[in-house]
PDB file of N, CA and C in Angstrom:
ATOM      1  N   MET A   1    -167.907 247.944  14.180  1.00  0.00           N
ATOM      2  CA  MET A   1    -169.253 247.649  13.754  1.00  0.00           C
ATOM      3  C   MET A   1    -169.451 246.132  13.837  1.00  0.00           C
ATOM      4  N   PRO A   2    -170.476 245.678  14.528  1.00  0.00           N
ATOM      5  CA  PRO A   2    -170.709 244.240  14.657  1.00  0.00           C
ATOM      6  C   PRO A   2    -171.126 243.625  13.322  1.00  0.00           C
ATOM      7  N   MET A   3    -170.613 242.451  13.052  1.00  0.00           N
ATOM      8  CA  MET A   3    -170.973 241.719  11.837  1.00  0.00           C
ATOM      9  C   MET A   3    -171.718 240.452  12.234  1.00  0.00           C
ATOM     10  N   LEU A   4    -172.858 240.220  11.612  1.00  0.00           N
ATOM     11  CA  LEU A   4    -173.629 239.000  11.805  1.00  0.00           C
ATOM     12  C   LEU A   4    -173.381 238.123  10.590  1.00  0.00           C
ATOM     13  N   ALA A   5    -173.163 236.832  10.808  1.00  0.00           N
ATOM     14  CA  ALA A   5    -172.745 235.968   9.717  1.00  0.00           C
ATOM     15  C   ALA A   5    -173.612 234.724   9.606  1.00  0.00           C
ATOM     16  N   PHE A   6    -173.287 233.907   8.595  1.00  0.00           N
ATOM     17  CA  PHE A   6    -174.030 232.678   8.321  1.00  0.00           C
ATOM     18  C   PHE A   6    -173.169 231.427   8.478  1.00  0.00           C
ATOM     19  N   SER A   7    -172.013 231.566   9.123  1.00  0.00           N
ATOM     20  CA  SER A   7    -171.107 230.439   9.261  1.00  0.00           C
ATOM     21  C   SER A   7    -170.263 230.599  10.523  1.00  0.00           C
ATOM     22  N   PRO A   8    -170.007 229.510  11.247  1.00  0.00           N
ATOM     23  CA  PRO A   8    -169.149 229.622  12.429  1.00  0.00           C
ATOM     24  C   PRO A   8    -167.721 230.028  12.068  1.00  0.00           C
ATOM     25  N   ALA A   9    -167.305 229.802  10.827  1.00  0.00           N
ATOM     26  CA  ALA A   9    -165.968 230.232  10.401  1.00  0.00           C
ATOM     27  C   ALA A   9    -165.838 231.751  10.485  1.00  0.00           C
ATOM     28  N   TYR A  10    -166.908 232.465  10.168  1.00  0.00           N
ATOM     29  CA  TYR A  10    -166.874 233.927  10.275  1.00  0.00           C
ATOM     30  C   TYR A  10    -166.766 234.369  11.728  1.00  0.00           C
ATOM     31  N   VAL A  11    -167.382 233.633  12.626  1.00  0.00           N
ATOM     32  CA  VAL A  11    -167.285 233.957  14.054  1.00  0.00           C
ATOM     33  C   VAL A  11    -165.838 233.795  14.509  1.00  0.00           C
ATOM     34  N   ARG A  12    -165.197 232.714  14.077  1.00  0.00           N
ATOM     35  CA  ARG A  12    -163.790 232.522  14.423  1.00  0.00           C
ATOM     36  C   ARG A  12    -162.919 233.618  13.814  1.00  0.00           C
ATOM     37  N   ALA A  13    -163.354 234.170  12.667  1.00  0.00           N
ATOM     38  CA  ALA A  13    -162.581 235.212  11.992  1.00  0.00           C
ATOM     39  C   ALA A  13    -162.879 236.617  12.522  1.00  0.00           C
ATOM     40  N   GLY A  14    -163.858 236.741  13.444  1.00  0.00           N
ATOM     41  CA  GLY A  14    -164.098 238.041  14.054  1.00  0.00           C
ATOM     42  C   GLY A  14    -165.514 238.574  13.993  1.00  0.00           C
ATOM     43  N   ALA A  15    -166.452 237.851  13.374  1.00  0.00           N
ATOM     44  CA  ALA A  15    -167.853 238.289  13.382  1.00  0.00           C
ATOM     45  C   ALA A  15    -168.410 238.167  14.791  1.00  0.00           C
ATOM     46  N   LEU A  16    -169.360 239.008  15.128  1.00  0.00           N
ATOM     47  CA  LEU A  16    -169.981 238.964  16.453  1.00  0.00           C
ATOM     48  C   LEU A  16    -170.725 237.652  16.671  1.00  0.00           C
ATOM     49  N   LEU A  17    -171.557 237.265  15.700  1.00  0.00           N
ATOM     50  CA  LEU A  17    -172.313 236.028  15.841  1.00  0.00           C
ATOM     51  C   LEU A  17    -172.694 235.492  14.481  1.00  0.00           C
ATOM     52  N   ALA A  18    -173.095 234.242  14.475  1.00  0.00           N
ATOM     53  CA  ALA A  18    -173.569 233.594  13.254  1.00  0.00           C
ATOM     54  C   ALA A  18    -174.784 232.742  13.574  1.00  0.00           C
ATOM     55  N   VAL A  19    -175.713 232.730  12.642  1.00  0.00           N
ATOM     56  CA  VAL A  19    -176.870 231.840  12.686  1.00  0.00           C
ATOM     57  C   VAL A  19    -176.723 230.942  11.463  1.00  0.00           C
ATOM     58  N   TYR A  20    -176.673 229.632  11.685  1.00  0.00           N
ATOM     59  CA  TYR A  20    -176.382 228.707  10.595  1.00  0.00           C
ATOM     60  C   TYR A  20    -176.962 227.331  10.898  1.00  0.00           C
ATOM     61  N   SER A  21    -177.074 226.528   9.868  1.00  0.00           N
ATOM     62  CA  SER A  21    -177.483 225.137  10.027  1.00  0.00           C
ATOM     63  C   SER A  21    -176.276 224.253   9.769  1.00  0.00           C
ATOM     64  N   THR A  22    -176.122 223.243  10.610  1.00  0.00           N
ATOM     65  CA  THR A  22    -175.025 222.299  10.431  1.00  0.00           C
ATOM     66  C   THR A  22    -175.412 221.293   9.346  1.00  0.00           C
ATOM     67  N   PRO A  23    -174.423 220.604   8.770  1.00  0.00           N
ATOM     68  CA  PRO A  23    -174.766 219.554   7.801  1.00  0.00           C
ATOM     69  C   PRO A  23    -175.706 218.501   8.396  1.00  0.00           C
ATOM     70  N   ALA A  24    -175.527 218.153   9.655  1.00  0.00           N
ATOM     71  CA  ALA A  24    -176.418 217.172  10.293  1.00  0.00           C
ATOM     72  C   ALA A  24    -177.851 217.691  10.371  1.00  0.00           C
ATOM     73  N   GLN A  25    -178.012 218.975  10.707  1.00  0.00           N
ATOM     74  CA  GLN A  25    -179.356 219.552  10.791  1.00  0.00           C
ATOM     75  C   GLN A  25    -180.028 219.572   9.414  1.00  0.00           C
ATOM     76  N   ILE A  26    -179.277 219.942   8.394  1.00  0.00           N
ATOM     77  CA  ILE A  26    -179.826 219.971   7.042  1.00  0.00           C
ATOM     78  C   ILE A  26    -180.143 218.549   6.577  1.00  0.00           C
ATOM     79  N   GLY A  27    -179.235 217.610   6.865  1.00  0.00           N
ATOM     80  CA  GLY A  27    -179.458 216.219   6.484  1.00  0.00           C
ATOM     81  C   GLY A  27    -180.710 215.642   7.111  1.00  0.00           C
ATOM     82  N   GLN A  28    -180.957 215.984   8.370  1.00  0.00           N
ATOM     83  CA  GLN A  28    -182.158 215.497   9.048  1.00  0.00           C
ATOM     84  C   GLN A  28    -183.416 216.026   8.354  1.00  0.00           C
ATOM     85  N   GLN A  29    -183.420 217.299   7.991  1.00  0.00           N
ATOM     86  CA  GLN A  29    -184.581 217.886   7.326  1.00  0.00           C
ATOM     87  C   GLN A  29    -184.772 217.266   5.937  1.00  0.00           C
ATOM     88  N   VAL A  30    -183.685 217.085   5.200  1.00  0.00           N
ATOM     89  CA  VAL A  30    -183.773 216.472   3.872  1.00  0.00           C
ATOM     90  C   VAL A  30    -184.261 215.029   3.984  1.00  0.00           C
ATOM     91  N   GLY A  31    -183.789 214.310   5.000  1.00  0.00           N
ATOM     92  CA  GLY A  31    -184.255 212.941   5.212  1.00  0.00           C
ATOM     93  C   GLY A  31    -185.751 212.880   5.453  1.00  0.00           C
ATOM     94  N   THR A  32    -186.248 213.799   6.255  1.00  0.00           N
ATOM     95  CA  THR A  32    -187.690 213.871   6.518  1.00  0.00           C
ATOM     96  C   THR A  32    -188.457 214.160   5.235  1.00  0.00           C
ATOM     97  N   MET A  33    -187.936 215.090   4.438  1.00  0.00           N
ATOM     98  CA  MET A  33    -188.587 215.426   3.168  1.00  0.00           C
ATOM     99  C   MET A  33    -188.563 214.238   2.212  1.00  0.00           C
ATOM    100  N   ALA A  34    -187.447 213.521   2.161  1.00  0.00           N
ATOM    101  CA  ALA A  34    -187.323 212.371   1.262  1.00  0.00           C
ATOM    102  C   ALA A  34    -188.294 211.260   1.665  1.00  0.00           C
ATOM    103  N   ARG A  35    -188.381 210.975   2.975  1.00  0.00           N
ATOM    104  CA  ARG A  35    -189.333 209.955   3.440  1.00  0.00           C
ATOM    105  C   ARG A  35    -190.755 210.321   3.039  1.00  0.00           C
ATOM    106  N   SER A  36    -191.095 211.576   3.209  1.00  0.00           N
ATOM    107  CA  SER A  36    -192.427 212.049   2.845  1.00  0.00           C
ATOM    108  C   SER A  36    -192.666 211.885   1.340  1.00  0.00           C
ATOM    109  N   PHE A  37    -191.663 212.239   0.556  1.00  0.00           N
ATOM    110  CA  PHE A  37    -191.779 212.130  -0.901  1.00  0.00           C
ATOM    111  C   PHE A  37    -191.979 210.676  -1.319  1.00  0.00           C
ATOM    112  N   PHE A  38    -191.207 209.776  -0.735  1.00  0.00           N
ATOM    113  CA  PHE A  38    -191.318 208.365  -1.106  1.00  0.00           C
ATOM    114  C   PHE A  38    -192.593 207.714  -0.579  1.00  0.00           C
ATOM    115  N   GLN A  39    -193.305 208.405   0.287  1.00  0.00           N
ATOM    116  CA  GLN A  39    -194.607 207.929   0.740  1.00  0.00           C
ATOM    117  C   GLN A  39    -195.734 208.511  -0.111  1.00  0.00           C
ATOM    118  N   GLY A  40    -195.334 209.204  -1.187  1.00  0.00           N
ATOM    119  CA  GLY A  40    -196.322 209.694  -2.137  1.00  0.00           C
ATOM    120  C   GLY A  40    -196.721 211.149  -1.965  1.00  0.00           C
ATOM    121  N   ARG A  41    -196.132 211.845  -1.052  1.00  0.00           N
ATOM    122  CA  ARG A  41    -196.472 213.266  -0.861  1.00  0.00           C
ATOM    123  C   ARG A  41    -195.565 214.132  -1.742  1.00  0.00           C
ATOM    124  N   PRO A  42    -196.075 215.261  -2.220  1.00  0.00           N
ATOM    125  CA  PRO A  42    -195.229 216.144  -3.031  1.00  0.00           C
ATOM    126  C   PRO A  42    -194.152 216.806  -2.165  1.00  0.00           C
ATOM    127  N   LEU A  43    -193.058 217.216  -2.805  1.00  0.00           N
ATOM    128  CA  LEU A  43    -191.978 217.874  -2.068  1.00  0.00           C
ATOM    129  C   LEU A  43    -192.405 219.222  -1.498  1.00  0.00           C
ATOM    130  N   GLY A  44    -193.277 219.913  -2.180  1.00  0.00           N
ATOM    131  CA  GLY A  44    -193.716 221.216  -1.691  1.00  0.00           C
ATOM    132  C   GLY A  44    -192.773 222.323  -2.119  1.00  0.00           C
ATOM    133  N   LEU A  45    -192.986 223.480  -1.562  1.00  0.00           N
ATOM    134  CA  LEU A  45    -192.208 224.662  -1.906  1.00  0.00           C
ATOM    135  C   LEU A  45    -190.849 224.641  -1.214  1.00  0.00           C
ATOM    136  N   PRO A  46    -189.882 225.376  -1.768  1.00  0.00           N
ATOM    137  CA  PRO A  46    -188.594 225.509  -1.062  1.00  0.00           C
ATOM    138  C   PRO A  46    -188.832 226.072   0.335  1.00  0.00           C
ATOM    139  N   GLN A  47    -187.978 225.700   1.256  1.00  0.00           N
ATOM    140  CA  GLN A  47    -188.172 226.134   2.638  1.00  0.00           C
ATOM    141  C   GLN A  47    -186.840 226.451   3.305  1.00  0.00           C
ATOM    142  N   TYR A  48    -186.918 227.263   4.313  1.00  0.00           N
ATOM    143  CA  TYR A  48    -185.745 227.571   5.120  1.00  0.00           C
ATOM    144  C   TYR A  48    -185.453 226.400   6.040  1.00  0.00           C
ATOM    145  N   PRO A  49    -184.221 226.289   6.519  1.00  0.00           N
ATOM    146  CA  PRO A  49    -183.916 225.219   7.478  1.00  0.00           C
ATOM    147  C   PRO A  49    -184.788 225.336   8.727  1.00  0.00           C
ATOM    148  N   GLN A  50    -185.267 224.191   9.199  1.00  0.00           N
ATOM    149  CA  GLN A  50    -186.088 224.176  10.407  1.00  0.00           C
ATOM    150  C   GLN A  50    -185.234 224.238  11.661  1.00  0.00           C
ATOM    151  N   ASN A  51    -184.034 223.695  11.602  1.00  0.00           N
ATOM    152  CA  ASN A  51    -183.136 223.698  12.751  1.00  0.00           C
ATOM    153  C   ASN A  51    -181.916 224.543  12.438  1.00  0.00           C
ATOM    154  N   PHE A  52    -181.395 225.194  13.445  1.00  0.00           N
ATOM    155  CA  PHE A  52    -180.224 226.034  13.256  1.00  0.00           C
ATOM    156  C   PHE A  52    -179.467 226.156  14.568  1.00  0.00           C
ATOM    157  N   SER A  53    -178.261 226.654  14.450  1.00  0.00           N
ATOM    158  CA  SER A  53    -177.405 226.875  15.617  1.00  0.00           C
ATOM    159  C   SER A  53    -176.970 228.332  15.633  1.00  0.00           C
ATOM    160  N   VAL A  54    -176.542 228.792  16.795  1.00  0.00           N
ATOM    161  CA  VAL A  54    -176.027 230.148  16.951  1.00  0.00           C
ATOM    162  C   VAL A  54    -174.657 230.057  17.602  1.00  0.00           C
ATOM    163  N   SER A  55    -173.689 230.751  17.024  1.00  0.00           N
ATOM    164  CA  SER A  55    -172.356 230.866  17.622  1.00  0.00           C
ATOM    165  C   SER A  55    -172.087 232.326  17.920  1.00  0.00           C
ATOM    166  N   VAL A  56    -171.425 232.582  19.028  1.00  0.00           N
ATOM    167  CA  VAL A  56    -171.093 233.945  19.442  1.00  0.00           C
ATOM    168  C   VAL A  56    -169.589 234.040  19.669  1.00  0.00           C
ATOM    169  N   ASN A  57    -168.988 235.088  19.167  1.00  0.00           N
ATOM    170  CA  ASN A  57    -167.587 235.379  19.450  1.00  0.00           C
ATOM    171  C   ASN A  57    -167.576 236.186  20.746  1.00  0.00           C
ATOM    172  N   GLU A  58    -167.242 235.530  21.827  1.00  0.00           N
ATOM    173  CA  GLU A  58    -167.322 236.172  23.141  1.00  0.00           C
ATOM    174  C   GLU A  58    -166.352 237.337  23.284  1.00  0.00           C
ATOM    175  N   TYR A  59    -165.205 237.265  22.609  1.00  0.00           N
ATOM    176  CA  TYR A  59    -164.235 238.363  22.676  1.00  0.00           C
ATOM    177  C   TYR A  59    -164.789 239.622  22.032  1.00  0.00           C
ATOM    178  N   VAL A  60    -165.418 239.460  20.875  1.00  0.00           N
ATOM    179  CA  VAL A  60    -166.010 240.610  20.175  1.00  0.00           C
ATOM    180  C   VAL A  60    -167.183 241.141  20.986  1.00  0.00           C
ATOM    181  N   ALA A  61    -168.024 240.239  21.497  1.00  0.00           N
ATOM    182  CA  ALA A  61    -169.173 240.674  22.301  1.00  0.00           C
ATOM    183  C   ALA A  61    -168.704 241.477  23.512  1.00  0.00           C
ATOM    184  N   ARG A  62    -167.695 240.968  24.195  1.00  0.00           N
ATOM    185  CA  ARG A  62    -167.182 241.661  25.376  1.00  0.00           C
ATOM    186  C   ARG A  62    -166.637 243.042  25.004  1.00  0.00           C
ATOM    187  N   SER A  63    -165.937 243.138  23.871  1.00  0.00           N
ATOM    188  CA  SER A  63    -165.375 244.430  23.463  1.00  0.00           C
ATOM    189  C   SER A  63    -166.472 245.433  23.131  1.00  0.00           C
ATOM    190  N   LEU A  64    -167.655 244.930  22.773  1.00  0.00           N
ATOM    191  CA  LEU A  64    -168.802 245.802  22.481  1.00  0.00           C
ATOM    192  C   LEU A  64    -169.696 246.006  23.702  1.00  0.00           C
ATOM    193  N   GLY A  65    -169.307 245.424  24.822  1.00  0.00           N
ATOM    194  CA  GLY A  65    -170.094 245.556  26.040  1.00  0.00           C
ATOM    195  C   GLY A  65    -171.355 244.715  26.032  1.00  0.00           C
ATOM    196  N   LEU A  66    -171.346 243.606  25.303  1.00  0.00           N
ATOM    197  CA  LEU A  66    -172.525 242.750  25.192  1.00  0.00           C
ATOM    198  C   LEU A  66    -172.286 241.418  25.887  1.00  0.00           C
ATOM    199  N   HIS A  67    -173.333 240.880  26.457  1.00  0.00           N
ATOM    200  CA  HIS A  67    -173.291 239.528  27.031  1.00  0.00           C
ATOM    201  C   HIS A  67    -174.346 238.728  26.282  1.00  0.00           C
ATOM    202  N   LEU A  68    -173.898 237.856  25.383  1.00  0.00           N
ATOM    203  CA  LEU A  68    -174.807 237.087  24.538  1.00  0.00           C
ATOM    204  C   LEU A  68    -174.639 235.606  24.810  1.00  0.00           C
ATOM    205  N   GLU A  69    -175.733 234.935  25.068  1.00  0.00           N
ATOM    206  CA  GLU A  69    -175.742 233.492  25.285  1.00  0.00           C
ATOM    207  C   GLU A  69    -176.274 232.826  24.010  1.00  0.00           C
ATOM    208  N   PRO A  70    -175.463 232.008  23.335  1.00  0.00           N
ATOM    209  CA  PRO A  70    -175.914 231.384  22.084  1.00  0.00           C
ATOM    210  C   PRO A  70    -177.219 230.607  22.221  1.00  0.00           C
ATOM    211  N   GLN A  71    -177.362 229.830  23.280  1.00  0.00           N
ATOM    212  CA  GLN A  71    -178.573 229.026  23.458  1.00  0.00           C
ATOM    213  C   GLN A  71    -179.803 229.903  23.652  1.00  0.00           C
ATOM    214  N   THR A  72    -179.656 230.965  24.417  1.00  0.00           N
ATOM    215  CA  THR A  72    -180.768 231.890  24.640  1.00  0.00           C
ATOM    216  C   THR A  72    -181.175 232.575  23.340  1.00  0.00           C
ATOM    217  N   LEU A  73    -180.186 233.002  22.557  1.00  0.00           N
ATOM    218  CA  LEU A  73    -180.479 233.630  21.265  1.00  0.00           C
ATOM    219  C   LEU A  73    -181.213 232.653  20.349  1.00  0.00           C
ATOM    220  N   ALA A  74    -180.752 231.415  20.284  1.00  0.00           N
ATOM    221  CA  ALA A  74    -181.398 230.412  19.432  1.00  0.00           C
ATOM    222  C   ALA A  74    -182.846 230.185  19.861  1.00  0.00           C
ATOM    223  N   GLU A  75    -183.073 230.083  21.158  1.00  0.00           N
ATOM    224  CA  GLU A  75    -184.444 229.874  21.656  1.00  0.00           C
ATOM    225  C   GLU A  75    -185.341 231.053  21.307  1.00  0.00           C
ATOM    226  N   ARG A  76    -184.824 232.259  21.461  1.00  0.00           N
ATOM    227  CA  ARG A  76    -185.619 233.447  21.112  1.00  0.00           C
ATOM    228  C   ARG A  76    -185.943 233.477  19.625  1.00  0.00           C
ATOM    229  N   LEU A  77    -184.975 233.145  18.778  1.00  0.00           N
ATOM    230  CA  LEU A  77    -185.219 233.112  17.338  1.00  0.00           C
ATOM    231  C   LEU A  77    -186.264 232.057  16.982  1.00  0.00           C
ATOM    232  N   ARG A  78    -186.210 230.912  17.618  1.00  0.00           N
ATOM    233  CA  ARG A  78    -187.216 229.864  17.346  1.00  0.00           C
ATOM    234  C   ARG A  78    -188.614 230.327  17.746  1.00  0.00           C
ATOM    235  N   ARG A  79    -188.701 231.005  18.888  1.00  0.00           N
ATOM    236  CA  ARG A  79    -190.020 231.530  19.315  1.00  0.00           C
ATOM    237  C   ARG A  79    -190.526 232.578  18.333  1.00  0.00           C
ATOM    238  N   LEU A  80    -189.633 233.455  17.870  1.00  0.00           N
ATOM    239  CA  LEU A  80    -190.035 234.485  16.909  1.00  0.00           C
ATOM    240  C   LEU A  80    -190.514 233.862  15.603  1.00  0.00           C
ATOM    241  N   GLU A  81    -189.850 232.802  15.166  1.00  0.00           N
ATOM    242  CA  GLU A  81    -190.265 232.111  13.937  1.00  0.00           C
ATOM    243  C   GLU A  81    -191.674 231.539  14.073  1.00  0.00           C
ATOM    244  N   LYS A  82    -191.991 231.044  15.256  1.00  0.00           N
ATOM    245  CA  LYS A  82    -193.310 230.436  15.483  1.00  0.00           C
ATOM    246  C   LYS A  82    -194.377 231.484  15.746  1.00  0.00           C
ATOM    247  N   GLY A  83    -193.961 232.735  15.908  1.00  0.00           N
ATOM    248  CA  GLY A  83    -194.927 233.803  16.124  1.00  0.00           C
ATOM    249  C   GLY A  83    -195.412 233.929  17.538  1.00  0.00           C
ATOM    250  N   SER A  84    -194.684 233.333  18.504  1.00  0.00           N
ATOM    251  CA  SER A  84    -195.141 233.432  19.900  1.00  0.00           C
ATOM    252  C   SER A  84    -194.213 234.285  20.707  1.00  0.00           C
TER     253      SER A  84
END
């Protein structure tokens, strides 16, 4: 049974794929929010990460007969988030 995860460590441990944000991606978003806050704008509501990465365990994918490209998956997820 394929497992989808939230960390590249799970992919290394045998999950099919993971969708996650790196510390750099989160830091960039927090920096943008902090700059906005210090310019007098409210922080706003909690939000999901704007940037994310996708990792695929190619061995698991191959054993399931799947060919998954991490970059293609990430692009498709970004388009789905934007509603296009």
